[in-house]
Amino acid sequence: MNAAEESAFKRQLDRLWAFSPERLWLRSIGLHRSGHWRLAFLLKQLNSLLYHNSLAPGARVSPDISLGHHSLGIVIHSDVEIGSDAMIWHNVTLVAGRLPRGARGTHGGGNGNAPAAQRSRIVIGDHVTIGANAVLIAPRGRTLTIGNGARVGAGTVVTEDVPRRTTVVGAPPRTYSRPRDRDDGGEQSEVEHSG
């Protein structure tokens, strides 16, 4: 069995566990999308209680997401979109949703019912790996894009777009290009997801 087959086998075994953080999160997202926001919130709270994370049911996530170390300490905001085959390690924070300065939502300047075009977002491409303790913060009123096949190193704080097939590490962040080592979604520069 080669490394790719072994990795796929491990993912299949993880999916058998009904209360894995990924499955709880995906069920919470499904309930939220179907209008059962109270049940989605309860499932999110169960996930938080069991795994000490905060995974928003409003996020858009591919069903093959992997959360390292049972998602311990991961915080993901609702204005985040994650592509297929993404790997997010423990204690990662993905923060988005802030309005541009001067824009008004409800509840004292919060997002409320502000148009989606005004809120900041994070879009993570396919085959992306985000290392432990990394922090991704979308700039106010803009979209932070992590390209297909990109890697974010452990402990890195990212506030600018990361091009496809690059590795970002350190403080301040440094970007290193890398050759194509697997299918990372072709030559598209935009991240496209259904759902």
C-alpha atoms as a PDB file:
ATOM      1  CA  MET A   1       0.000   0.000   0.000  1.00  0.00           C
ATOM      2  CA  ASN A   2       1.529   3.331  -1.072  1.00  0.00           C
ATOM      3  CA  ALA A   3       1.266   6.590   0.886  1.00  0.00           C
ATOM      4  CA  ALA A   4      -1.721   7.921  -1.082  1.00  0.00           C
ATOM      5  CA  GLU A   5      -3.708   4.703  -0.607  1.00  0.00           C
ATOM      6  CA  GLU A   6      -2.837   4.656   3.084  1.00  0.00           C
ATOM      7  CA  SER A   7      -3.985   8.257   3.496  1.00  0.00           C
ATOM      8  CA  ALA A   8      -7.276   7.518   1.700  1.00  0.00           C
ATOM      9  CA  PHE A   9      -7.808   4.429   3.870  1.00  0.00           C
ATOM     10  CA  LYS A  10      -7.237   6.434   7.062  1.00  0.00           C
ATOM     11  CA  ARG A  11      -9.739   9.064   5.913  1.00  0.00           C
ATOM     12  CA  GLN A  12     -12.330   6.356   5.255  1.00  0.00           C
ATOM     13  CA  LEU A  13     -11.807   4.937   8.749  1.00  0.00           C
ATOM     14  CA  ASP A  14     -12.176   8.403  10.280  1.00  0.00           C
ATOM     15  CA  ARG A  15     -15.487   8.882   8.458  1.00  0.00           C
ATOM     16  CA  LEU A  16     -16.893   5.752  10.094  1.00  0.00           C
ATOM     17  CA  TRP A  17     -16.851   7.474  13.464  1.00  0.00           C
ATOM     18  CA  ALA A  18     -20.261   9.180  13.702  1.00  0.00           C
ATOM     19  CA  PHE A  19     -19.086  11.857  16.093  1.00  0.00           C
ATOM     20  CA  SER A  20     -15.929  12.984  14.313  1.00  0.00           C
ATOM     21  CA  PRO A  21     -15.604  16.772  14.291  1.00  0.00           C
ATOM     22  CA  GLU A  22     -15.784  16.836  10.495  1.00  0.00           C
ATOM     23  CA  ARG A  23     -19.040  14.882  10.410  1.00  0.00           C
ATOM     24  CA  LEU A  24     -20.615  16.947  13.173  1.00  0.00           C
ATOM     25  CA  TRP A  25     -19.620  20.131  11.353  1.00  0.00           C
ATOM     26  CA  LEU A  26     -20.923  18.930   7.987  1.00  0.00           C
ATOM     27  CA  ARG A  27     -24.231  17.888   9.582  1.00  0.00           C
ATOM     28  CA  SER A  28     -24.451  21.275  11.289  1.00  0.00           C
ATOM     29  CA  ILE A  29     -23.860  23.008   7.936  1.00  0.00           C
ATOM     30  CA  GLY A  30     -26.540  20.872   6.292  1.00  0.00           C
ATOM     31  CA  LEU A  31     -29.065  21.716   8.999  1.00  0.00           C
ATOM     32  CA  HIS A  32     -28.199  25.410   8.750  1.00  0.00           C
ATOM     33  CA  ARG A  33     -28.678  25.429   4.963  1.00  0.00           C
ATOM     34  CA  SER A  34     -32.028  23.650   5.247  1.00  0.00           C
ATOM     35  CA  GLY A  35     -33.312  26.306   7.650  1.00  0.00           C
ATOM     36  CA  HIS A  36     -32.961  24.370  10.913  1.00  0.00           C
ATOM     37  CA  TRP A  37     -30.620  26.916  12.460  1.00  0.00           C
ATOM     38  CA  ARG A  38     -31.461  25.978  16.064  1.00  0.00           C
ATOM     39  CA  LEU A  39     -30.542  22.328  15.498  1.00  0.00           C
ATOM     40  CA  ALA A  40     -27.437  23.473  13.606  1.00  0.00           C
ATOM     41  CA  PHE A  41     -26.451  25.623  16.577  1.00  0.00           C
ATOM     42  CA  LEU A  42     -26.991  22.737  19.015  1.00  0.00           C
ATOM     43  CA  LEU A  43     -24.837  20.436  16.895  1.00  0.00           C
ATOM     44  CA  LYS A  44     -22.163  23.158  16.713  1.00  0.00           C
ATOM     45  CA  GLN A  45     -22.261  23.409  20.502  1.00  0.00           C
ATOM     46  CA  LEU A  46     -21.924  19.612  20.839  1.00  0.00           C
ATOM     47  CA  ASN A  47     -18.907  19.744  18.519  1.00  0.00           C
ATOM     48  CA  SER A  48     -17.437  22.558  20.637  1.00  0.00           C
ATOM     49  CA  LEU A  49     -18.038  20.620  23.841  1.00  0.00           C
ATOM     50  CA  LEU A  50     -16.499  17.384  22.555  1.00  0.00           C
ATOM     51  CA  TYR A  51     -13.573  18.796  20.582  1.00  0.00           C
ATOM     52  CA  HIS A  52     -12.953  22.329  21.946  1.00  0.00           C
ATOM     53  CA  ASN A  53     -13.433  24.056  18.604  1.00  0.00           C
ATOM     54  CA  SER A  54     -15.710  26.704  17.071  1.00  0.00           C
ATOM     55  CA  LEU A  55     -16.797  25.634  13.591  1.00  0.00           C
ATOM     56  CA  ALA A  56     -19.524  27.924  12.225  1.00  0.00           C
ATOM     57  CA  PRO A  57     -22.482  26.216  10.542  1.00  0.00           C
ATOM     58  CA  GLY A  58     -22.672  29.095   8.047  1.00  0.00           C
ATOM     59  CA  ALA A  59     -19.339  28.202   6.414  1.00  0.00           C
ATOM     60  CA  ARG A  60     -19.166  26.504   3.003  1.00  0.00           C
ATOM     61  CA  VAL A  61     -17.035  23.367   3.219  1.00  0.00           C
ATOM     62  CA  SER A  62     -16.214  20.482   0.904  1.00  0.00           C
ATOM     63  CA  PRO A  63     -17.260  17.105   2.381  1.00  0.00           C
ATOM     64  CA  ASP A  64     -13.703  15.730   2.188  1.00  0.00           C
ATOM     65  CA  ILE A  65     -12.191  18.251   4.607  1.00  0.00           C
ATOM     66  CA  SER A  66      -9.706  16.930   7.166  1.00  0.00           C
ATOM     67  CA  LEU A  67      -9.220  18.526  10.569  1.00  0.00           C
ATOM     68  CA  GLY A  68      -6.001  17.480  12.269  1.00  0.00           C
ATOM     69  CA  HIS A  69      -5.871  16.297  15.882  1.00  0.00           C
ATOM     70  CA  HIS A  70      -9.669  16.103  16.110  1.00  0.00           C
ATOM     71  CA  SER A  71      -9.974  19.841  15.351  1.00  0.00           C
ATOM     72  CA  LEU A  72      -8.655  20.845  18.756  1.00  0.00           C
ATOM     73  CA  GLY A  73      -8.792  24.632  19.073  1.00  0.00           C
ATOM     74  CA  ILE A  74      -9.824  25.346  15.477  1.00  0.00           C
ATOM     75  CA  VAL A  75     -11.934  28.498  15.014  1.00  0.00           C
ATOM     76  CA  ILE A  76     -13.621  29.053  11.640  1.00  0.00           C
ATOM     77  CA  HIS A  77     -15.960  31.976  10.953  1.00  0.00           C
ATOM     78  CA  SER A  78     -19.154  31.654   8.916  1.00  0.00           C
ATOM     79  CA  ASP A  79     -17.830  33.744   6.000  1.00  0.00           C
ATOM     80  CA  VAL A  80     -15.266  31.094   5.042  1.00  0.00           C
ATOM     81  CA  GLU A  81     -15.355  28.810   1.988  1.00  0.00           C
ATOM     82  CA  ILE A  82     -13.085  25.743   1.956  1.00  0.00           C
ATOM     83  CA  GLY A  83     -12.320  23.696  -1.158  1.00  0.00           C
ATOM     84  CA  SER A  84     -11.849  19.960  -1.565  1.00  0.00           C
ATOM     85  CA  ASP A  85      -9.084  17.911   0.052  1.00  0.00           C
ATOM     86  CA  ALA A  86      -8.126  20.688   2.482  1.00  0.00           C
ATOM     87  CA  MET A  87      -6.175  19.808   5.624  1.00  0.00           C
ATOM     88  CA  ILE A  88      -6.416  22.125   8.627  1.00  0.00           C
ATOM     89  CA  TRP A  89      -4.301  21.360  11.683  1.00  0.00           C
ATOM     90  CA  HIS A  90      -5.069  22.187  15.322  1.00  0.00           C
ATOM     91  CA  ASN A  91      -5.384  25.709  16.772  1.00  0.00           C
ATOM     92  CA  VAL A  92      -5.961  27.341  13.369  1.00  0.00           C
ATOM     93  CA  THR A  93      -8.070  30.501  13.272  1.00  0.00           C
ATOM     94  CA  LEU A  94      -9.886  31.692  10.129  1.00  0.00           C
ATOM     95  CA  VAL A  95     -11.516  35.082  10.757  1.00  0.00           C
ATOM     96  CA  ALA A  96     -13.634  36.950   8.210  1.00  0.00           C
ATOM     97  CA  GLY A  97     -16.887  38.818   7.960  1.00  0.00           C
ATOM     98  CA  ARG A  98     -15.876  42.307   9.029  1.00  0.00           C
ATOM     99  CA  LEU A  99     -17.510  45.170   7.172  1.00  0.00           C
ATOM    100  CA  PRO A 100     -15.491  47.939   5.552  1.00  0.00           C
ATOM    101  CA  ARG A 101     -14.993  50.970   7.777  1.00  0.00           C
ATOM    102  CA  GLY A 102     -18.065  53.191   7.734  1.00  0.00           C
ATOM    103  CA  ALA A 103     -20.395  50.445   6.447  1.00  0.00           C
ATOM    104  CA  ARG A 104     -23.367  49.757   8.652  1.00  0.00           C
ATOM    105  CA  GLY A 105     -25.031  46.470   9.498  1.00  0.00           C
ATOM    106  CA  THR A 106     -27.272  45.817  12.443  1.00  0.00           C
ATOM    107  CA  HIS A 107     -26.370  45.456  16.104  1.00  0.00           C
ATOM    108  CA  GLY A 108     -24.027  48.412  16.410  1.00  0.00           C
ATOM    109  CA  GLY A 109     -21.991  47.985  13.235  1.00  0.00           C
ATOM    110  CA  GLY A 110     -21.926  44.173  13.135  1.00  0.00           C
ATOM    111  CA  ASN A 111     -22.545  42.265   9.945  1.00  0.00           C
ATOM    112  CA  GLY A 112     -26.230  41.672  10.552  1.00  0.00           C
ATOM    113  CA  ASN A 113     -27.984  41.725   7.210  1.00  0.00           C
ATOM    114  CA  ALA A 114     -25.215  43.532   5.348  1.00  0.00           C
ATOM    115  CA  PRO A 115     -24.864  42.464   1.710  1.00  0.00           C
ATOM    116  CA  ALA A 116     -22.404  39.643   1.177  1.00  0.00           C
ATOM    117  CA  ALA A 117     -20.437  41.834  -1.250  1.00  0.00           C
ATOM    118  CA  GLN A 118     -19.559  44.206   1.621  1.00  0.00           C
ATOM    119  CA  ARG A 119     -18.384  41.597   4.133  1.00  0.00           C
ATOM    120  CA  SER A 120     -14.887  40.228   4.139  1.00  0.00           C
ATOM    121  CA  ARG A 121     -14.497  36.531   3.310  1.00  0.00           C
ATOM    122  CA  ILE A 122     -11.860  33.829   3.158  1.00  0.00           C
ATOM    123  CA  VAL A 123     -11.806  31.494   0.151  1.00  0.00           C
ATOM    124  CA  ILE A 124      -9.511  28.482   0.496  1.00  0.00           C
ATOM    125  CA  GLY A 125      -8.801  26.506  -2.673  1.00  0.00           C
ATOM    126  CA  ASP A 126      -8.479  22.783  -3.292  1.00  0.00           C
ATOM    127  CA  HIS A 127      -5.603  20.698  -1.860  1.00  0.00           C
ATOM    128  CA  VAL A 128      -4.591  23.376   0.667  1.00  0.00           C
ATOM    129  CA  THR A 129      -2.756  22.570   3.905  1.00  0.00           C
ATOM    130  CA  ILE A 130      -2.867  24.984   6.848  1.00  0.00           C
ATOM    131  CA  GLY A 131      -0.357  24.256   9.615  1.00  0.00           C
ATOM    132  CA  ALA A 132      -0.935  24.313  13.365  1.00  0.00           C
ATOM    133  CA  ASN A 133      -1.459  27.686  15.066  1.00  0.00           C
ATOM    134  CA  ALA A 134      -1.795  29.560  11.759  1.00  0.00           C
ATOM    135  CA  VAL A 135      -4.069  32.601  11.703  1.00  0.00           C
ATOM    136  CA  LEU A 136      -5.799  33.813   8.530  1.00  0.00           C
ATOM    137  CA  ILE A 137      -7.479  37.212   8.817  1.00  0.00           C
ATOM    138  CA  ALA A 138      -9.439  38.646   5.890  1.00  0.00           C
ATOM    139  CA  PRO A 139      -8.842  42.374   5.488  1.00  0.00           C
ATOM    140  CA  ARG A 140     -11.845  44.547   6.268  1.00  0.00           C
ATOM    141  CA  GLY A 141     -14.378  44.387   3.414  1.00  0.00           C
ATOM    142  CA  ARG A 142     -12.159  42.236   1.148  1.00  0.00           C
ATOM    143  CA  THR A 143     -11.756  38.584   0.210  1.00  0.00           C
ATOM    144  CA  LEU A 144      -8.638  36.727   1.320  1.00  0.00           C
ATOM    145  CA  THR A 145      -7.880  33.963  -1.204  1.00  0.00           C
ATOM    146  CA  ILE A 146      -5.642  30.958  -0.581  1.00  0.00           C
ATOM    147  CA  GLY A 147      -4.905  29.417  -3.993  1.00  0.00           C
ATOM    148  CA  ASN A 148      -5.169  25.773  -5.024  1.00  0.00           C
ATOM    149  CA  GLY A 149      -2.340  23.611  -3.707  1.00  0.00           C
ATOM    150  CA  ALA A 150      -1.014  26.310  -1.349  1.00  0.00           C
ATOM    151  CA  ARG A 151       0.506  25.577   2.053  1.00  0.00           C
ATOM    152  CA  VAL A 152       0.415  27.844   5.088  1.00  0.00           C
ATOM    153  CA  GLY A 153       3.145  27.025   7.595  1.00  0.00           C
ATOM    154  CA  ALA A 154       2.635  26.527  11.309  1.00  0.00           C
ATOM    155  CA  GLY A 155       2.295  29.753  13.270  1.00  0.00           C
ATOM    156  CA  THR A 156       2.038  31.964  10.194  1.00  0.00           C
ATOM    157  CA  VAL A 157      -0.270  34.997  10.245  1.00  0.00           C
ATOM    158  CA  VAL A 158      -1.764  35.585   6.783  1.00  0.00           C
ATOM    159  CA  THR A 159      -3.529  38.823   5.838  1.00  0.00           C
ATOM    160  CA  GLU A 160      -2.751  38.889   2.086  1.00  0.00           C
ATOM    161  CA  ASP A 161      -3.697  36.510  -0.730  1.00  0.00           C
ATOM    162  CA  VAL A 162      -1.572  33.380  -1.161  1.00  0.00           C
ATOM    163  CA  PRO A 163      -0.993  32.365  -4.815  1.00  0.00           C
ATOM    164  CA  ARG A 164      -1.622  28.807  -5.934  1.00  0.00           C
ATOM    165  CA  ARG A 165       1.141  26.217  -5.387  1.00  0.00           C
ATOM    166  CA  THR A 166       3.099  28.374  -2.954  1.00  0.00           C
ATOM    167  CA  THR A 167       4.175  27.912   0.628  1.00  0.00           C
ATOM    168  CA  VAL A 168       3.878  30.759   3.128  1.00  0.00           C
ATOM    169  CA  VAL A 169       5.889  30.563   6.351  1.00  0.00           C
ATOM    170  CA  GLY A 170       7.310  32.725   9.091  1.00  0.00           C
ATOM    171  CA  ALA A 171       6.707  36.063  10.706  1.00  0.00           C
ATOM    172  CA  PRO A 172       6.599  38.237   8.701  1.00  0.00           C
ATOM    173  CA  PRO A 173       5.225  35.799   6.124  1.00  0.00           C
ATOM    174  CA  ARG A 174       7.535  34.769   3.287  1.00  0.00           C
ATOM    175  CA  THR A 175       6.200  33.119   0.131  1.00  0.00           C
ATOM    176  CA  TYR A 176       8.004  30.303  -1.686  1.00  0.00           C
ATOM    177  CA  SER A 177       6.842  28.928  -5.039  1.00  0.00           C
ATOM    178  CA  ARG A 178       6.978  25.197  -5.511  1.00  0.00           C
ATOM    179  CA  PRO A 179       6.657  22.915  -8.534  1.00  0.00           C
ATOM    180  CA  ARG A 180       3.464  21.096  -9.304  1.00  0.00           C
ATOM    181  CA  ASP A 181       3.449  17.875  -7.251  1.00  0.00           C
ATOM    182  CA  ARG A 182      -0.193  16.824  -7.576  1.00  0.00           C
ATOM    183  CA  ASP A 183      -3.413  17.887  -9.206  1.00  0.00           C
ATOM    184  CA  ASP A 184      -4.298  21.209  -7.673  1.00  0.00           C
ATOM    185  CA  GLY A 185      -7.258  22.156  -9.794  1.00  0.00           C
ATOM    186  CA  GLY A 186      -5.597  23.011 -13.108  1.00  0.00           C
ATOM    187  CA  GLU A 187      -4.866  26.516 -14.297  1.00  0.00           C
ATOM    188  CA  GLN A 188      -7.945  28.214 -12.824  1.00  0.00           C
ATOM    189  CA  SER A 189      -7.222  31.267 -10.736  1.00  0.00           C
ATOM    190  CA  GLU A 190     -10.717  31.424  -9.274  1.00  0.00           C
ATOM    191  CA  VAL A 191     -11.924  28.945  -6.676  1.00  0.00           C
ATOM    192  CA  GLU A 192     -15.219  27.471  -7.757  1.00  0.00           C
ATOM    193  CA  HIS A 193     -17.464  25.425  -5.507  1.00  0.00           C
ATOM    194  CA  SER A 194     -21.010  24.255  -5.756  1.00  0.00           C
ATOM    195  CA  GLY A 195     -23.411  24.447  -2.975  1.00  0.00           C
END
